[in-house]
PDB file of N, CA and C in Angstrom:
ATOM      1  N   UNK A   1       0.477  -1.130  -0.132  1.00  0.00           N
ATOM      2  CA  UNK A   1      -0.558   0.443  -0.112  1.00  0.00           C
ATOM      3  C   UNK A   1       0.785   1.540  -0.367  1.00  0.00           C
ATOM      4  N   UNK A   2       0.869   2.342  -0.455  1.00  0.00           N
ATOM      5  CA  UNK A   2       1.183   3.537  -1.057  1.00  0.00           C
ATOM      6  C   UNK A   2       0.970   4.371   0.485  1.00  0.00           C
ATOM      7  N   UNK A   3       2.469   5.147   0.182  1.00  0.00           N
ATOM      8  CA  UNK A   3       2.351   6.148   1.227  1.00  0.00           C
ATOM      9  C   UNK A   3       1.513   7.297   1.574  1.00  0.00           C
ATOM     10  N   UNK A   4       0.592   7.501   1.589  1.00  0.00           N
ATOM     11  CA  UNK A   4      -0.347   9.105   1.214  1.00  0.00           C
ATOM     12  C   UNK A   4       0.036   9.933   2.428  1.00  0.00           C
ATOM     13  N   UNK A   5       0.606  10.975   2.002  1.00  0.00           N
ATOM     14  CA  UNK A   5       0.805  12.458   2.808  1.00  0.00           C
ATOM     15  C   UNK A   5       0.128  13.412   2.512  1.00  0.00           C
ATOM     16  N   UNK A   6      -1.187  13.931   3.362  1.00  0.00           N
ATOM     17  CA  UNK A   6      -1.974  14.481   3.139  1.00  0.00           C
ATOM     18  C   UNK A   6      -1.794  15.979   3.584  1.00  0.00           C
ATOM     19  N   UNK A   7      -2.993  16.474   2.387  1.00  0.00           N
ATOM     20  CA  UNK A   7      -1.348  18.024   2.638  1.00  0.00           C
ATOM     21  C   UNK A   7      -1.937  19.327   4.195  1.00  0.00           C
ATOM     22  N   UNK A   8      -2.652  18.660   5.049  1.00  0.00           N
ATOM     23  CA  UNK A   8      -2.519  18.769   6.378  1.00  0.00           C
ATOM     24  C   UNK A   8      -0.971  18.397   6.647  1.00  0.00           C
ATOM     25  N   UNK A   9      -1.426  17.061   6.852  1.00  0.00           N
ATOM     26  CA  UNK A   9       0.150  16.780   7.490  1.00  0.00           C
ATOM     27  C   UNK A   9       1.023  17.304   6.913  1.00  0.00           C
ATOM     28  N   UNK A  10       0.772  17.763   6.101  1.00  0.00           N
ATOM     29  CA  UNK A  10       2.605  18.237   5.090  1.00  0.00           C
ATOM     30  C   UNK A  10       2.659  19.879   5.923  1.00  0.00           C
ATOM     31  N   UNK A  11       1.568  20.681   5.882  1.00  0.00           N
ATOM     32  CA  UNK A  11       1.562  21.520   6.790  1.00  0.00           C
ATOM     33  C   UNK A  11       1.640  21.516   8.433  1.00  0.00           C
ATOM     34  N   UNK A  12       1.129  21.198   8.098  1.00  0.00           N
ATOM     35  CA  UNK A  12       1.341  20.789   9.618  1.00  0.00           C
ATOM     36  C   UNK A  12       2.958  20.658  10.346  1.00  0.00           C
ATOM     37  N   UNK A  13       3.709  19.920   9.444  1.00  0.00           N
ATOM     38  CA  UNK A  13       4.910  18.937   9.770  1.00  0.00           C
ATOM     39  C   UNK A  13       6.300  20.250   8.941  1.00  0.00           C
ATOM     40  N   UNK A  14       6.441  20.896   8.318  1.00  0.00           N
ATOM     41  CA  UNK A  14       6.702  22.413   8.418  1.00  0.00           C
ATOM     42  C   UNK A  14       6.761  23.512   9.407  1.00  0.00           C
ATOM     43  N   UNK A  15       5.408  23.690   9.429  1.00  0.00           N
ATOM     44  CA  UNK A  15       5.153  25.287  10.698  1.00  0.00           C
ATOM     45  C   UNK A  15       5.247  24.103  11.825  1.00  0.00           C
ATOM     46  N   UNK A  16       5.833  22.430  12.059  1.00  0.00           N
ATOM     47  CA  UNK A  16       6.406  22.347  13.437  1.00  0.00           C
ATOM     48  C   UNK A  16       8.320  22.728  12.692  1.00  0.00           C
ATOM     49  N   UNK A  17       8.254  22.139  11.757  1.00  0.00           N
ATOM     50  CA  UNK A  17      10.171  22.290  11.050  1.00  0.00           C
ATOM     51  C   UNK A  17      10.072  24.033  11.766  1.00  0.00           C
ATOM     52  N   UNK A  18       9.624  24.552  10.951  1.00  0.00           N
ATOM     53  CA  UNK A  18      10.009  26.370  11.299  1.00  0.00           C
ATOM     54  C   UNK A  18       9.812  26.902  12.201  1.00  0.00           C
ATOM     55  N   UNK A  19       8.373  26.251  13.508  1.00  0.00           N
ATOM     56  CA  UNK A  19       9.233  26.355  15.266  1.00  0.00           C
ATOM     57  C   UNK A  19      10.140  25.968  15.510  1.00  0.00           C
ATOM     58  N   UNK A  20      10.774  25.079  15.372  1.00  0.00           N
ATOM     59  CA  UNK A  20      11.850  24.096  15.937  1.00  0.00           C
ATOM     60  C   UNK A  20      13.010  25.388  15.138  1.00  0.00           C
ATOM     61  N   UNK A  21      13.194  25.638  14.648  1.00  0.00           N
ATOM     62  CA  UNK A  21      14.554  26.405  13.590  1.00  0.00           C
ATOM     63  C   UNK A  21      14.655  27.783  14.594  1.00  0.00           C
ATOM     64  N   UNK A  22      13.150  28.716  15.011  1.00  0.00           N
ATOM     65  CA  UNK A  22      12.835  29.879  15.526  1.00  0.00           C
ATOM     66  C   UNK A  22      13.364  29.462  16.990  1.00  0.00           C
ATOM     67  N   UNK A  23      12.354  28.443  17.202  1.00  0.00           N
ATOM     68  CA  UNK A  23      12.878  28.405  18.853  1.00  0.00           C
ATOM     69  C   UNK A  23      14.277  27.896  19.209  1.00  0.00           C
ATOM     70  N   UNK A  24      15.018  27.394  18.319  1.00  0.00           N
ATOM     71  CA  UNK A  24      16.423  26.754  18.177  1.00  0.00           C
ATOM     72  C   UNK A  24      17.332  28.509  17.912  1.00  0.00           C
ATOM     73  N   UNK A  25      16.903  29.127  17.016  1.00  0.00           N
ATOM     74  CA  UNK A  25      17.568  30.216  16.875  1.00  0.00           C
ATOM     75  C   UNK A  25      17.496  31.287  18.012  1.00  0.00           C
ATOM     76  N   UNK A  26      16.460  31.466  18.583  1.00  0.00           N
ATOM     77  CA  UNK A  26      16.161  32.301  19.968  1.00  0.00           C
ATOM     78  C   UNK A  26      17.256  32.102  21.228  1.00  0.00           C
ATOM     79  N   UNK A  27      17.359  30.330  20.939  1.00  0.00           N
ATOM     80  CA  UNK A  27      17.641  29.465  21.832  1.00  0.00           C
ATOM     81  C   UNK A  27      19.333  30.064  22.649  1.00  0.00           C
ATOM     82  N   UNK A  28      19.745  29.746  21.171  1.00  0.00           N
ATOM     83  CA  UNK A  28      21.094  29.284  20.314  1.00  0.00           C
ATOM     84  C   UNK A  28      21.475  30.165  18.918  1.00  0.00           C
ATOM     85  N   UNK A  29      21.480  31.722  19.948  1.00  0.00           N
ATOM     86  CA  UNK A  29      21.499  32.645  18.203  1.00  0.00           C
ATOM     87  C   UNK A  29      23.373  32.297  18.342  1.00  0.00           C
ATOM     88  N   UNK A  30      23.183  32.432  16.808  1.00  0.00           N
ATOM     89  CA  UNK A  30      25.233  32.395  16.434  1.00  0.00           C
ATOM     90  C   UNK A  30      25.485  33.631  16.777  1.00  0.00           C
ATOM     91  N   UNK A  31      26.796  33.584  16.735  1.00  0.00           N
ATOM     92  CA  UNK A  31      27.520  34.573  17.854  1.00  0.00           C
ATOM     93  C   UNK A  31      27.386  36.055  16.512  1.00  0.00           C
ATOM     94  N   UNK A  32      27.551  36.937  17.015  1.00  0.00           N
ATOM     95  CA  UNK A  32      27.445  38.559  15.782  1.00  0.00           C
ATOM     96  C   UNK A  32      28.430  39.380  16.342  1.00  0.00           C
ATOM     97  N   UNK A  33      28.985  39.390  17.236  1.00  0.00           N
ATOM     98  CA  UNK A  33      30.326  40.078  18.160  1.00  0.00           C
ATOM     99  C   UNK A  33      31.843  39.871  17.248  1.00  0.00           C
ATOM    100  N   UNK A  34      31.684  39.286  15.503  1.00  0.00           N
ATOM    101  CA  UNK A  34      32.731  39.953  15.092  1.00  0.00           C
ATOM    102  C   UNK A  34      33.566  41.207  15.332  1.00  0.00           C
ATOM    103  N   UNK A  35      32.455  42.514  15.209  1.00  0.00           N
ATOM    104  CA  UNK A  35      33.762  43.102  14.553  1.00  0.00           C
ATOM    105  C   UNK A  35      34.060  43.781  16.484  1.00  0.00           C
ATOM    106  N   UNK A  36      33.710  43.074  17.111  1.00  0.00           N
ATOM    107  CA  UNK A  36      33.928  43.634  18.976  1.00  0.00           C
ATOM    108  C   UNK A  36      35.365  43.412  19.254  1.00  0.00           C
ATOM    109  N   UNK A  37      36.276  42.617  18.643  1.00  0.00           N
ATOM    110  CA  UNK A  37      37.820  42.983  18.658  1.00  0.00           C
ATOM    111  C   UNK A  37      37.933  43.599  17.055  1.00  0.00           C
ATOM    112  N   UNK A  38      38.500  44.528  16.456  1.00  0.00           N
ATOM    113  CA  UNK A  38      38.580  44.310  15.090  1.00  0.00           C
ATOM    114  C   UNK A  38      39.827  44.597  15.083  1.00  0.00           C
ATOM    115  N   UNK A  39      40.575  44.606  13.739  1.00  0.00           N
ATOM    116  CA  UNK A  39      41.783  44.560  13.140  1.00  0.00           C
ATOM    117  C   UNK A  39      42.325  46.440  14.288  1.00  0.00           C
ATOM    118  N   UNK A  40      43.524  46.372  14.671  1.00  0.00           N
ATOM    119  CA  UNK A  40      44.496  47.712  14.568  1.00  0.00           C
ATOM    120  C   UNK A  40      45.317  48.430  13.400  1.00  0.00           C
ATOM    121  N   UNK A  41      44.946  49.184  13.183  1.00  0.00           N
ATOM    122  CA  UNK A  41      45.606  49.512  11.252  1.00  0.00           C
ATOM    123  C   UNK A  41      46.292  51.028  11.726  1.00  0.00           C
ATOM    124  N   UNK A  42      47.731  51.064  11.377  1.00  0.00           N
ATOM    125  CA  UNK A  42      48.110  52.763  11.416  1.00  0.00           C
ATOM    126  C   UNK A  42      48.724  52.628  10.104  1.00  0.00           C
ATOM    127  N   UNK A  43      47.872  54.076   9.690  1.00  0.00           N
ATOM    128  CA  UNK A  43      47.633  54.705   8.289  1.00  0.00           C
ATOM    129  C   UNK A  43      48.790  55.154   8.187  1.00  0.00           C
ATOM    130  N   UNK A  44      49.175  55.985   7.135  1.00  0.00           N
ATOM    131  CA  UNK A  44      50.583  56.904   6.744  1.00  0.00           C
ATOM    132  C   UNK A  44      49.578  58.174   6.338  1.00  0.00           C
ATOM    133  N   UNK A  45      49.812  59.146   6.616  1.00  0.00           N
ATOM    134  CA  UNK A  45      49.375  60.457   6.681  1.00  0.00           C
ATOM    135  C   UNK A  45      48.013  60.127   4.517  1.00  0.00           C
ATOM    136  N   UNK A  46      48.908  59.228   4.040  1.00  0.00           N
ATOM    137  CA  UNK A  46      49.060  59.249   2.264  1.00  0.00           C
ATOM    138  C   UNK A  46      46.660  58.286   2.577  1.00  0.00           C
ATOM    139  N   UNK A  47      47.032  57.424   3.461  1.00  0.00           N
ATOM    140  CA  UNK A  47      46.159  56.362   4.184  1.00  0.00           C
ATOM    141  C   UNK A  47      46.480  55.078   3.570  1.00  0.00           C
ATOM    142  N   UNK A  48      47.842  54.674   3.182  1.00  0.00           N
ATOM    143  CA  UNK A  48      47.964  53.683   3.003  1.00  0.00           C
ATOM    144  C   UNK A  48      48.460  52.640   3.993  1.00  0.00           C
ATOM    145  N   UNK A  49      48.607  51.222   4.423  1.00  0.00           N
ATOM    146  CA  UNK A  49      48.564  50.600   5.886  1.00  0.00           C
ATOM    147  C   UNK A  49      50.007  51.022   5.699  1.00  0.00           C
ATOM    148  N   UNK A  50      50.486  51.501   7.893  1.00  0.00           N
ATOM    149  CA  UNK A  50      52.088  50.821   7.599  1.00  0.00           C
ATOM    150  C   UNK A  50      52.375  49.853   8.242  1.00  0.00           C
ATOM    151  N   UNK A  51      50.420  49.254   9.078  1.00  0.00           N
ATOM    152  CA  UNK A  51      50.873  47.839  10.474  1.00  0.00           C
ATOM    153  C   UNK A  51      49.445  47.922  10.733  1.00  0.00           C
ATOM    154  N   UNK A  52      49.579  46.576  10.839  1.00  0.00           N
ATOM    155  CA  UNK A  52      48.094  45.986  11.166  1.00  0.00           C
ATOM    156  C   UNK A  52      48.401  45.193  12.598  1.00  0.00           C
ATOM    157  N   UNK A  53      47.125  45.499  13.604  1.00  0.00           N
ATOM    158  CA  UNK A  53      47.549  43.661  14.287  1.00  0.00           C
ATOM    159  C   UNK A  53      45.774  43.465  14.164  1.00  0.00           C
ATOM    160  N   UNK A  54      46.316  41.975  14.304  1.00  0.00           N
ATOM    161  CA  UNK A  54      45.035  41.111  14.769  1.00  0.00           C
ATOM    162  C   UNK A  54      44.543  41.669  15.687  1.00  0.00           C
ATOM    163  N   UNK A  55      42.932  41.497  16.540  1.00  0.00           N
ATOM    164  CA  UNK A  55      42.029  41.430  17.247  1.00  0.00           C
ATOM    165  C   UNK A  55      42.303  40.596  18.191  1.00  0.00           C
ATOM    166  N   UNK A  56      41.609  40.948  19.498  1.00  0.00           N
ATOM    167  CA  UNK A  56      41.837  39.904  20.788  1.00  0.00           C
ATOM    168  C   UNK A  56      41.911  38.209  20.587  1.00  0.00           C
ATOM    169  N   UNK A  57      41.248  38.292  19.947  1.00  0.00           N
ATOM    170  CA  UNK A  57      40.891  37.075  19.107  1.00  0.00           C
ATOM    171  C   UNK A  57      41.871  35.646  18.198  1.00  0.00           C
ATOM    172  N   UNK A  58      42.790  36.730  17.771  1.00  0.00           N
ATOM    173  CA  UNK A  58      43.694  36.643  16.390  1.00  0.00           C
ATOM    174  C   UNK A  58      43.472  36.856  14.789  1.00  0.00           C
ATOM    175  N   UNK A  59      41.849  37.536  14.840  1.00  0.00           N
ATOM    176  CA  UNK A  59      41.366  37.697  13.363  1.00  0.00           C
ATOM    177  C   UNK A  59      41.988  38.924  12.666  1.00  0.00           C
ATOM    178  N   UNK A  60      42.336  38.693  11.160  1.00  0.00           N
ATOM    179  CA  UNK A  60      42.513  40.155  11.128  1.00  0.00           C
ATOM    180  C   UNK A  60      41.257  40.627  10.547  1.00  0.00           C
ATOM    181  N   UNK A  61      40.630  41.381  10.019  1.00  0.00           N
ATOM    182  CA  UNK A  61      39.459  42.212   9.717  1.00  0.00           C
ATOM    183  C   UNK A  61      39.551  43.744   9.323  1.00  0.00           C
ATOM    184  N   UNK A  62      38.875  43.312   7.896  1.00  0.00           N
ATOM    185  CA  UNK A  62      39.800  44.846   6.783  1.00  0.00           C
ATOM    186  C   UNK A  62      38.871  45.435   6.194  1.00  0.00           C
ATOM    187  N   UNK A  63      37.869  46.043   6.817  1.00  0.00           N
ATOM    188  CA  UNK A  63      36.397  46.831   6.237  1.00  0.00           C
ATOM    189  C   UNK A  63      36.914  46.892   4.739  1.00  0.00           C
ATOM    190  N   UNK A  64      35.557  46.247   4.065  1.00  0.00           N
ATOM    191  CA  UNK A  64      36.129  46.487   2.108  1.00  0.00           C
ATOM    192  C   UNK A  64      34.195  46.958   1.561  1.00  0.00           C
ATOM    193  N   UNK A  65      34.087  47.278   0.255  1.00  0.00           N
ATOM    194  CA  UNK A  65      33.228  47.758  -0.262  1.00  0.00           C
ATOM    195  C   UNK A  65      33.707  46.690  -1.127  1.00  0.00           C
ATOM    196  N   UNK A  66      32.126  46.312  -2.184  1.00  0.00           N
ATOM    197  CA  UNK A  66      32.135  45.037  -2.923  1.00  0.00           C
ATOM    198  C   UNK A  66      32.540  45.924  -4.132  1.00  0.00           C
ATOM    199  N   UNK A  67      32.643  47.035  -4.301  1.00  0.00           N
ATOM    200  CA  UNK A  67      32.706  47.840  -5.257  1.00  0.00           C
ATOM    201  C   UNK A  67      34.583  47.710  -5.023  1.00  0.00           C
ATOM    202  N   UNK A  68      35.291  47.867  -4.345  1.00  0.00           N
ATOM    203  CA  UNK A  68      36.512  47.853  -4.013  1.00  0.00           C
ATOM    204  C   UNK A  68      37.513  46.719  -4.686  1.00  0.00           C
ATOM    205  N   UNK A  69      36.433  45.459  -4.426  1.00  0.00           N
ATOM    206  CA  UNK A  69      37.006  44.660  -5.781  1.00  0.00           C
ATOM    207  C   UNK A  69      36.933  43.989  -6.825  1.00  0.00           C
ATOM    208  N   UNK A  70      37.696  43.548  -7.298  1.00  0.00           N
ATOM    209  CA  UNK A  70      37.750  43.625  -8.902  1.00  0.00           C
ATOM    210  C   UNK A  70      36.962  42.249  -9.249  1.00  0.00           C
ATOM    211  N   UNK A  71      35.923  42.360 -10.217  1.00  0.00           N
ATOM    212  CA  UNK A  71      35.550  41.607 -10.394  1.00  0.00           C
ATOM    213  C   UNK A  71      36.122  40.466 -11.238  1.00  0.00           C
ATOM    214  N   UNK A  72      37.281  40.405 -10.994  1.00  0.00           N
ATOM    215  CA  UNK A  72      38.053  39.342 -11.939  1.00  0.00           C
ATOM    216  C   UNK A  72      38.329  38.307 -10.784  1.00  0.00           C
ATOM    217  N   UNK A  73      38.531  38.894  -9.556  1.00  0.00           N
ATOM    218  CA  UNK A  73      39.660  38.375  -8.233  1.00  0.00           C
ATOM    219  C   UNK A  73      38.255  37.873  -7.908  1.00  0.00           C
ATOM    220  N   UNK A  74      37.288  38.363  -8.124  1.00  0.00           N
ATOM    221  CA  UNK A  74      35.779  37.799  -7.689  1.00  0.00           C
ATOM    222  C   UNK A  74      35.645  36.379  -8.461  1.00  0.00           C
ATOM    223  N   UNK A  75      36.015  35.881  -9.544  1.00  0.00           N
ATOM    224  CA  UNK A  75      35.716  35.191 -10.808  1.00  0.00           C
ATOM    225  C   UNK A  75      36.479  33.929 -10.437  1.00  0.00           C
ATOM    226  N   UNK A  76      37.704  34.466  -9.847  1.00  0.00           N
ATOM    227  CA  UNK A  76      39.360  34.104 -10.105  1.00  0.00           C
ATOM    228  C   UNK A  76      39.094  32.691  -8.641  1.00  0.00           C
ATOM    229  N   UNK A  77      38.469  33.951  -7.234  1.00  0.00           N
ATOM    230  CA  UNK A  77      37.733  33.202  -6.202  1.00  0.00           C
ATOM    231  C   UNK A  77      37.580  32.240  -5.886  1.00  0.00           C
ATOM    232  N   UNK A  78      36.246  32.563  -6.434  1.00  0.00           N
ATOM    233  CA  UNK A  78      34.921  31.661  -7.257  1.00  0.00           C
ATOM    234  C   UNK A  78      36.005  29.912  -8.056  1.00  0.00           C
ATOM    235  N   UNK A  79      36.649  30.538  -8.843  1.00  0.00           N
ATOM    236  CA  UNK A  79      37.031  28.853 -10.156  1.00  0.00           C
ATOM    237  C   UNK A  79      37.858  28.159  -9.166  1.00  0.00           C
ATOM    238  N   UNK A  80      39.226  29.325  -8.254  1.00  0.00           N
ATOM    239  CA  UNK A  80      39.919  27.532  -7.323  1.00  0.00           C
ATOM    240  C   UNK A  80      39.479  27.953  -5.999  1.00  0.00           C
ATOM    241  N   UNK A  81      38.381  28.458  -5.268  1.00  0.00           N
ATOM    242  CA  UNK A  81      38.384  27.981  -4.129  1.00  0.00           C
ATOM    243  C   UNK A  81      37.056  27.597  -4.022  1.00  0.00           C
ATOM    244  N   UNK A  82      35.878  27.694  -4.617  1.00  0.00           N
ATOM    245  CA  UNK A  82      34.123  26.964  -4.451  1.00  0.00           C
ATOM    246  C   UNK A  82      33.861  27.460  -5.593  1.00  0.00           C
ATOM    247  N   UNK A  83      33.975  26.535  -6.897  1.00  0.00           N
ATOM    248  CA  UNK A  83      33.199  26.744  -8.166  1.00  0.00           C
ATOM    249  C   UNK A  83      32.216  26.677  -8.095  1.00  0.00           C
ATOM    250  N   UNK A  84      31.114  25.472  -6.740  1.00  0.00           N
ATOM    251  CA  UNK A  84      30.280  25.425  -7.128  1.00  0.00           C
ATOM    252  C   UNK A  84      29.594  26.449  -6.174  1.00  0.00           C
ATOM    253  N   UNK A  85      29.844  27.578  -5.234  1.00  0.00           N
ATOM    254  CA  UNK A  85      29.261  28.377  -4.624  1.00  0.00           C
ATOM    255  C   UNK A  85      28.250  29.232  -4.777  1.00  0.00           C
ATOM    256  N   UNK A  86      27.426  28.674  -6.057  1.00  0.00           N
ATOM    257  CA  UNK A  86      26.190  29.630  -6.486  1.00  0.00           C
ATOM    258  C   UNK A  86      25.317  27.885  -6.032  1.00  0.00           C
ATOM    259  N   UNK A  87      25.686  26.617  -6.290  1.00  0.00           N
ATOM    260  CA  UNK A  87      24.945  25.875  -6.507  1.00  0.00           C
ATOM    261  C   UNK A  87      24.825  25.261  -4.626  1.00  0.00           C
ATOM    262  N   UNK A  88      24.919  24.658  -4.073  1.00  0.00           N
ATOM    263  CA  UNK A  88      25.443  24.837  -2.903  1.00  0.00           C
ATOM    264  C   UNK A  88      24.222  25.477  -1.465  1.00  0.00           C
ATOM    265  N   UNK A  89      24.339  24.408  -0.422  1.00  0.00           N
ATOM    266  CA  UNK A  89      23.603  25.821   0.459  1.00  0.00           C
ATOM    267  C   UNK A  89      24.508  26.194   1.251  1.00  0.00           C
ATOM    268  N   UNK A  90      25.707  26.143   1.691  1.00  0.00           N
ATOM    269  CA  UNK A  90      27.033  26.602   2.389  1.00  0.00           C
ATOM    270  C   UNK A  90      27.586  26.122   2.838  1.00  0.00           C
ATOM    271  N   UNK A  91      27.106  24.038   2.303  1.00  0.00           N
ATOM    272  CA  UNK A  91      28.282  22.748   2.591  1.00  0.00           C
ATOM    273  C   UNK A  91      28.088  22.086   1.668  1.00  0.00           C
ATOM    274  N   UNK A  92      28.980  21.958   0.663  1.00  0.00           N
ATOM    275  CA  UNK A  92      29.010  21.255  -0.488  1.00  0.00           C
ATOM    276  C   UNK A  92      29.394  19.672  -0.092  1.00  0.00           C
ATOM    277  N   UNK A  93      28.550  18.683  -0.029  1.00  0.00           N
ATOM    278  CA  UNK A  93      27.971  17.530   0.184  1.00  0.00           C
ATOM    279  C   UNK A  93      28.924  16.304  -0.871  1.00  0.00           C
ATOM    280  N   UNK A  94      28.822  17.265  -2.356  1.00  0.00           N
ATOM    281  CA  UNK A  94      29.807  16.434  -3.196  1.00  0.00           C
ATOM    282  C   UNK A  94      31.495  16.141  -2.664  1.00  0.00           C
ATOM    283  N   UNK A  95      31.536  17.399  -2.316  1.00  0.00           N
ATOM    284  CA  UNK A  95      33.074  17.690  -1.807  1.00  0.00           C
ATOM    285  C   UNK A  95      33.549  17.084  -0.693  1.00  0.00           C
ATOM    286  N   UNK A  96      32.572  17.216   0.366  1.00  0.00           N
ATOM    287  CA  UNK A  96      32.610  16.295   1.031  1.00  0.00           C
ATOM    288  C   UNK A  96      33.122  14.670   1.015  1.00  0.00           C
ATOM    289  N   UNK A  97      31.999  14.353   0.299  1.00  0.00           N
ATOM    290  CA  UNK A  97      32.072  12.446   0.180  1.00  0.00           C
ATOM    291  C   UNK A  97      33.419  12.362  -0.546  1.00  0.00           C
ATOM    292  N   UNK A  98      34.039  13.674  -1.493  1.00  0.00           N
ATOM    293  CA  UNK A  98      34.762  14.058  -2.463  1.00  0.00           C
ATOM    294  C   UNK A  98      36.435  13.544  -1.490  1.00  0.00           C
ATOM    295  N   UNK A  99      36.551  14.612  -0.808  1.00  0.00           N
ATOM    296  CA  UNK A  99      37.364  14.324   0.544  1.00  0.00           C
ATOM    297  C   UNK A  99      37.467  13.412   1.084  1.00  0.00           C
ATOM    298  N   UNK A 100      36.345  13.012   1.418  1.00  0.00           N
ATOM    299  CA  UNK A 100      36.759  11.822   2.933  1.00  0.00           C
ATOM    300  C   UNK A 100      37.202  10.419   2.399  1.00  0.00           C
ATOM    301  N   UNK A 101      36.133  10.704   0.988  1.00  0.00           N
ATOM    302  CA  UNK A 101      36.715   9.599   0.126  1.00  0.00           C
ATOM    303  C   UNK A 101      38.348   9.301  -0.913  1.00  0.00           C
ATOM    304  N   UNK A 102      38.902  10.015  -0.566  1.00  0.00           N
ATOM    305  CA  UNK A 102      40.315  10.111  -0.975  1.00  0.00           C
ATOM    306  C   UNK A 102      41.031   9.768   0.694  1.00  0.00           C
ATOM    307  N   UNK A 103      40.427  10.591   1.743  1.00  0.00           N
ATOM    308  CA  UNK A 103      41.509   9.621   2.830  1.00  0.00           C
ATOM    309  C   UNK A 103      40.770   9.150   3.154  1.00  0.00           C
ATOM    310  N   UNK A 104      40.073   8.172   3.178  1.00  0.00           N
ATOM    311  CA  UNK A 104      39.652   7.288   3.209  1.00  0.00           C
ATOM    312  C   UNK A 104      40.795   5.910   2.356  1.00  0.00           C
ATOM    313  N   UNK A 105      40.922   6.228   1.459  1.00  0.00           N
ATOM    314  CA  UNK A 105      41.577   5.719   0.470  1.00  0.00           C
ATOM    315  C   UNK A 105      43.025   5.975   0.656  1.00  0.00           C
ATOM    316  N   UNK A 106      43.559   6.778   0.436  1.00  0.00           N
ATOM    317  CA  UNK A 106      44.778   7.149   0.812  1.00  0.00           C
ATOM    318  C   UNK A 106      45.103   7.018   2.080  1.00  0.00           C
ATOM    319  N   UNK A 107      45.084   7.308   3.013  1.00  0.00           N
ATOM    320  CA  UNK A 107      45.231   7.252   4.188  1.00  0.00           C
ATOM    321  C   UNK A 107      45.866   8.964   4.601  1.00  0.00           C
ATOM    322  N   UNK A 108      45.195   9.593   4.197  1.00  0.00           N
ATOM    323  CA  UNK A 108      46.334  10.789   4.558  1.00  0.00           C
ATOM    324  C   UNK A 108      45.065  12.415   3.840  1.00  0.00           C
ATOM    325  N   UNK A 109      45.258  13.529   4.093  1.00  0.00           N
ATOM    326  CA  UNK A 109      43.858  13.915   3.869  1.00  0.00           C
ATOM    327  C   UNK A 109      45.617  14.777   2.036  1.00  0.00           C
ATOM    328  N   UNK A 110      44.267  14.131   1.238  1.00  0.00           N
ATOM    329  CA  UNK A 110      44.632  14.704  -0.401  1.00  0.00           C
ATOM    330  C   UNK A 110      43.793  16.143  -0.484  1.00  0.00           C
ATOM    331  N   UNK A 111      42.707  16.145  -0.727  1.00  0.00           N
ATOM    332  CA  UNK A 111      42.031  17.484  -1.087  1.00  0.00           C
ATOM    333  C   UNK A 111      40.875  17.780   0.181  1.00  0.00           C
ATOM    334  N   UNK A 112      40.869  18.213  -0.276  1.00  0.00           N
ATOM    335  CA  UNK A 112      39.780  19.572   1.067  1.00  0.00           C
ATOM    336  C   UNK A 112      38.463  19.476   0.720  1.00  0.00           C
ATOM    337  N   UNK A 113      37.370  19.719   1.346  1.00  0.00           N
ATOM    338  CA  UNK A 113      35.684  20.000   1.267  1.00  0.00           C
ATOM    339  C   UNK A 113      35.155  20.721   1.289  1.00  0.00           C
ATOM    340  N   UNK A 114      35.991  22.038   2.036  1.00  0.00           N
ATOM    341  CA  UNK A 114      35.669  23.244   2.139  1.00  0.00           C
ATOM    342  C   UNK A 114      35.033  24.237   1.111  1.00  0.00           C
ATOM    343  N   UNK A 115      34.085  25.035   1.801  1.00  0.00           N
ATOM    344  CA  UNK A 115      33.858  25.528   1.141  1.00  0.00           C
ATOM    345  C   UNK A 115      34.098  27.162   1.618  1.00  0.00           C
ATOM    346  N   UNK A 116      33.964  28.020   0.487  1.00  0.00           N
ATOM    347  CA  UNK A 116      34.090  29.891   0.911  1.00  0.00           C
ATOM    348  C   UNK A 116      33.163  29.908   2.148  1.00  0.00           C
ATOM    349  N   UNK A 117      31.641  29.714   2.211  1.00  0.00           N
ATOM    350  CA  UNK A 117      30.688  30.061   3.644  1.00  0.00           C
ATOM    351  C   UNK A 117      31.490  29.530   4.879  1.00  0.00           C
ATOM    352  N   UNK A 118      32.799  28.132   4.579  1.00  0.00           N
ATOM    353  CA  UNK A 118      32.940  27.565   5.926  1.00  0.00           C
ATOM    354  C   UNK A 118      33.993  28.428   5.947  1.00  0.00           C
ATOM    355  N   UNK A 119      34.571  28.699   5.061  1.00  0.00           N
ATOM    356  CA  UNK A 119      36.275  29.626   5.851  1.00  0.00           C
ATOM    357  C   UNK A 119      35.526  30.577   6.044  1.00  0.00           C
ATOM    358  N   UNK A 120      35.173  31.065   5.835  1.00  0.00           N
ATOM    359  CA  UNK A 120      34.233  32.631   6.109  1.00  0.00           C
ATOM    360  C   UNK A 120      34.358  32.176   7.524  1.00  0.00           C
ATOM    361  N   UNK A 121      33.008  31.592   7.970  1.00  0.00           N
ATOM    362  CA  UNK A 121      32.652  31.234   9.388  1.00  0.00           C
ATOM    363  C   UNK A 121      33.947  31.089   9.764  1.00  0.00           C
ATOM    364  N   UNK A 122      34.812  30.426   9.625  1.00  0.00           N
ATOM    365  CA  UNK A 122      36.343  30.676  10.279  1.00  0.00           C
ATOM    366  C   UNK A 122      36.897  31.371  10.513  1.00  0.00           C
ATOM    367  N   UNK A 123      37.100  32.060   9.287  1.00  0.00           N
ATOM    368  CA  UNK A 123      37.404  33.656  10.191  1.00  0.00           C
ATOM    369  C   UNK A 123      36.133  34.779  10.838  1.00  0.00           C
ATOM    370  N   UNK A 124      35.625  34.467  10.624  1.00  0.00           N
ATOM    371  CA  UNK A 124      34.651  34.964  11.945  1.00  0.00           C
ATOM    372  C   UNK A 124      35.055  35.192  12.975  1.00  0.00           C
ATOM    373  N   UNK A 125      34.856  33.409  13.502  1.00  0.00           N
ATOM    374  CA  UNK A 125      35.574  33.401  14.842  1.00  0.00           C
ATOM    375  C   UNK A 125      36.872  32.391  14.616  1.00  0.00           C
ATOM    376  N   UNK A 126      38.035  33.186  15.207  1.00  0.00           N
ATOM    377  CA  UNK A 126      39.190  32.746  14.509  1.00  0.00           C
ATOM    378  C   UNK A 126      39.630  31.062  15.458  1.00  0.00           C
ATOM    379  N   UNK A 127      38.811  30.868  16.278  1.00  0.00           N
ATOM    380  CA  UNK A 127      39.159  29.852  17.433  1.00  0.00           C
ATOM    381  C   UNK A 127      38.714  28.448  17.148  1.00  0.00           C
ATOM    382  N   UNK A 128      37.322  28.904  15.761  1.00  0.00           N
ATOM    383  CA  UNK A 128      37.356  27.381  16.037  1.00  0.00           C
ATOM    384  C   UNK A 128      37.949  26.742  15.645  1.00  0.00           C
TER     385      UNK A 128
END
């Protein structure tokens, strides 16, 4: 006998999942204090940086705007670091499976499976 799921059951399930996510977000919010310990940068009179010291957490944070970054750099970064950036939801299951398979087969890390999203998360929380 085929499994039949009523529309009402589906709506209740989705509402329950959404409620659970909202409750978890309220109970365990993600840290937002990435800029509490900014990088200290000493600038020359013409605005060029002379020296930078990381914040208390060891992270280097230098603010910039999207307009200040070359689109060629963004294209190269996406191609080299995370060519599936626009496809995956922040974690690339195929890359993690490939990296895990290579590790199991060779007994050592051959390639990584991290995405740009995962790398940015690590930069935000340098102690992770």
